[in-house]
């Protein structure tokens, strides 16, 4: 009698587990079907952002002409050299290897 009750309880538990898993699986399918396409939503947000940026970026860019790339590079290089020289001038006389006390 004890074995029968053990088997019956095990079978009832297994049946309950299978029902719960089926419900969960059906619920997940329904949730996915109800959701909008996330890729379409992302494409729409990107299109809106590009439209806003195109509208706001058009006015300032036409007011100021852009420098050629070589000139900008030379300017950045010159500023970097100036920064390096100013750092070398401000180094302590001992070389800066020892920590300041």
C-alpha atoms as a PDB file:
ATOM      1  CA  UNK A   1       0.000   0.000   0.000  1.00  0.00           C
ATOM      2  CA  UNK A   2       2.848   2.339   0.851  1.00  0.00           C
ATOM      3  CA  UNK A   3       4.450   1.838  -2.604  1.00  0.00           C
ATOM      4  CA  UNK A   4       1.182   2.662  -4.314  1.00  0.00           C
ATOM      5  CA  UNK A   5       0.838   5.943  -2.404  1.00  0.00           C
ATOM      6  CA  UNK A   6       4.454   6.839  -3.218  1.00  0.00           C
ATOM      7  CA  UNK A   7       3.905   6.168  -6.930  1.00  0.00           C
ATOM      8  CA  UNK A   8       0.602   8.065  -6.927  1.00  0.00           C
ATOM      9  CA  UNK A   9       2.142  11.102  -5.205  1.00  0.00           C
ATOM     10  CA  UNK A  10       5.088  11.043  -7.641  1.00  0.00           C
ATOM     11  CA  UNK A  11       2.771  10.822 -10.648  1.00  0.00           C
ATOM     12  CA  UNK A  12       0.601  13.673  -9.339  1.00  0.00           C
ATOM     13  CA  UNK A  13       3.686  15.828  -8.779  1.00  0.00           C
ATOM     14  CA  UNK A  14       5.020  15.053 -12.256  1.00  0.00           C
ATOM     15  CA  UNK A  15       1.652  15.899 -13.831  1.00  0.00           C
ATOM     16  CA  UNK A  16       1.537  19.218 -11.954  1.00  0.00           C
ATOM     17  CA  UNK A  17       5.069  20.031 -13.089  1.00  0.00           C
ATOM     18  CA  UNK A  18       4.246  19.277 -16.724  1.00  0.00           C
ATOM     19  CA  UNK A  19       1.099  21.444 -16.588  1.00  0.00           C
ATOM     20  CA  UNK A  20       3.050  24.335 -15.089  1.00  0.00           C
ATOM     21  CA  UNK A  21       5.748  24.060 -17.743  1.00  0.00           C
ATOM     22  CA  UNK A  22       3.152  23.985 -20.537  1.00  0.00           C
ATOM     23  CA  UNK A  23       1.417  27.060 -19.132  1.00  0.00           C
ATOM     24  CA  UNK A  24       4.720  28.899 -18.844  1.00  0.00           C
ATOM     25  CA  UNK A  25       5.652  27.985 -22.432  1.00  0.00           C
ATOM     26  CA  UNK A  26       2.252  29.067 -23.794  1.00  0.00           C
ATOM     27  CA  UNK A  27       2.443  32.319 -21.821  1.00  0.00           C
ATOM     28  CA  UNK A  28       5.890  33.091 -23.242  1.00  0.00           C
ATOM     29  CA  UNK A  29       4.646  32.499 -26.798  1.00  0.00           C
ATOM     30  CA  UNK A  30       1.696  34.800 -26.215  1.00  0.00           C
ATOM     31  CA  UNK A  31       3.945  37.508 -24.760  1.00  0.00           C
ATOM     32  CA  UNK A  32       6.243  37.345 -27.778  1.00  0.00           C
ATOM     33  CA  UNK A  33       3.304  37.531 -30.174  1.00  0.00           C
ATOM     34  CA  UNK A  34       1.884  40.593 -28.388  1.00  0.00           C
ATOM     35  CA  UNK A  35       5.159  42.545 -28.448  1.00  0.00           C
ATOM     36  CA  UNK A  36       5.935  44.852 -31.330  1.00  0.00           C
ATOM     37  CA  UNK A  37       8.957  44.144 -33.452  1.00  0.00           C
ATOM     38  CA  UNK A  38      11.901  45.535 -31.407  1.00  0.00           C
ATOM     39  CA  UNK A  39      13.992  46.043 -34.549  1.00  0.00           C
ATOM     40  CA  UNK A  40      11.270  48.178 -36.099  1.00  0.00           C
ATOM     41  CA  UNK A  41      11.007  50.276 -32.950  1.00  0.00           C
ATOM     42  CA  UNK A  42      14.774  50.790 -32.944  1.00  0.00           C
ATOM     43  CA  UNK A  43      14.786  51.767 -36.618  1.00  0.00           C
ATOM     44  CA  UNK A  44      12.036  54.305 -35.927  1.00  0.00           C
ATOM     45  CA  UNK A  45      13.939  55.847 -32.997  1.00  0.00           C
ATOM     46  CA  UNK A  46      17.118  56.065 -35.077  1.00  0.00           C
ATOM     47  CA  UNK A  47      15.265  57.721 -37.956  1.00  0.00           C
ATOM     48  CA  UNK A  48      13.762  60.291 -35.561  1.00  0.00           C
ATOM     49  CA  UNK A  49      17.163  61.054 -34.048  1.00  0.00           C
ATOM     50  CA  UNK A  50      18.793  61.416 -37.473  1.00  0.00           C
ATOM     51  CA  UNK A  51      16.043  63.765 -38.575  1.00  0.00           C
ATOM     52  CA  UNK A  52      16.510  65.929 -35.469  1.00  0.00           C
ATOM     53  CA  UNK A  53      20.292  65.963 -35.873  1.00  0.00           C
ATOM     54  CA  UNK A  54      20.032  66.829 -39.560  1.00  0.00           C
ATOM     55  CA  UNK A  55      17.733  69.748 -38.752  1.00  0.00           C
ATOM     56  CA  UNK A  56      19.928  71.135 -35.976  1.00  0.00           C
ATOM     57  CA  UNK A  57      23.298  70.421 -37.579  1.00  0.00           C
ATOM     58  CA  UNK A  58      22.504  72.019 -40.935  1.00  0.00           C
ATOM     59  CA  UNK A  59      22.484  75.627 -39.700  1.00  0.00           C
ATOM     60  CA  UNK A  60      25.779  75.732 -37.708  1.00  0.00           C
ATOM     61  CA  UNK A  61      27.804  73.831 -40.287  1.00  0.00           C
ATOM     62  CA  UNK A  62      26.902  76.240 -43.086  1.00  0.00           C
ATOM     63  CA  UNK A  63      27.920  79.249 -40.971  1.00  0.00           C
ATOM     64  CA  UNK A  64      31.481  78.048 -40.281  1.00  0.00           C
ATOM     65  CA  UNK A  65      33.672  76.613 -43.075  1.00  0.00           C
ATOM     66  CA  UNK A  66      35.616  73.501 -42.161  1.00  0.00           C
ATOM     67  CA  UNK A  67      39.446  73.505 -42.171  1.00  0.00           C
ATOM     68  CA  UNK A  68      41.295  71.018 -44.337  1.00  0.00           C
ATOM     69  CA  UNK A  69      42.452  67.919 -42.507  1.00  0.00           C
ATOM     70  CA  UNK A  70      46.181  68.658 -42.868  1.00  0.00           C
ATOM     71  CA  UNK A  71      45.784  72.084 -41.259  1.00  0.00           C
ATOM     72  CA  UNK A  72      43.865  70.650 -38.317  1.00  0.00           C
ATOM     73  CA  UNK A  73      46.498  67.959 -37.800  1.00  0.00           C
ATOM     74  CA  UNK A  74      49.295  70.517 -37.851  1.00  0.00           C
ATOM     75  CA  UNK A  75      47.441  72.674 -35.321  1.00  0.00           C
ATOM     76  CA  UNK A  76      46.877  69.746 -32.963  1.00  0.00           C
ATOM     77  CA  UNK A  77      50.525  68.721 -33.303  1.00  0.00           C
ATOM     78  CA  UNK A  78      51.709  72.238 -32.479  1.00  0.00           C
ATOM     79  CA  UNK A  79      49.487  72.392 -29.371  1.00  0.00           C
ATOM     80  CA  UNK A  80      50.790  68.995 -28.228  1.00  0.00           C
ATOM     81  CA  UNK A  81      54.398  70.135 -28.644  1.00  0.00           C
ATOM     82  CA  UNK A  82      53.665  73.267 -26.616  1.00  0.00           C
ATOM     83  CA  UNK A  83      52.107  71.176 -23.848  1.00  0.00           C
ATOM     84  CA  UNK A  84      55.133  68.859 -23.777  1.00  0.00           C
ATOM     85  CA  UNK A  85      57.534  71.792 -23.553  1.00  0.00           C
ATOM     86  CA  UNK A  86      55.540  73.405 -20.733  1.00  0.00           C
ATOM     87  CA  UNK A  87      55.593  70.117 -18.798  1.00  0.00           C
ATOM     88  CA  UNK A  88      59.347  69.783 -19.271  1.00  0.00           C
ATOM     89  CA  UNK A  89      59.867  73.317 -18.004  1.00  0.00           C
ATOM     90  CA  UNK A  90      57.791  72.696 -14.895  1.00  0.00           C
ATOM     91  CA  UNK A  91      59.639  69.476 -13.913  1.00  0.00           C
ATOM     92  CA  UNK A  92      61.589  69.588 -10.641  1.00  0.00           C
ATOM     93  CA  UNK A  93      65.386  69.927 -11.018  1.00  0.00           C
ATOM     94  CA  UNK A  94      66.074  66.390  -9.732  1.00  0.00           C
ATOM     95  CA  UNK A  95      64.128  64.805 -12.588  1.00  0.00           C
ATOM     96  CA  UNK A  96      60.981  63.903 -10.700  1.00  0.00           C
ATOM     97  CA  UNK A  97      61.973  60.295  -9.959  1.00  0.00           C
ATOM     98  CA  UNK A  98      61.733  60.691  -6.209  1.00  0.00           C
ATOM     99  CA  UNK A  99      58.362  61.280  -4.541  1.00  0.00           C
ATOM    100  CA  UNK A 100      57.810  64.709  -2.995  1.00  0.00           C
ATOM    101  CA  UNK A 101      57.736  64.706   0.796  1.00  0.00           C
END
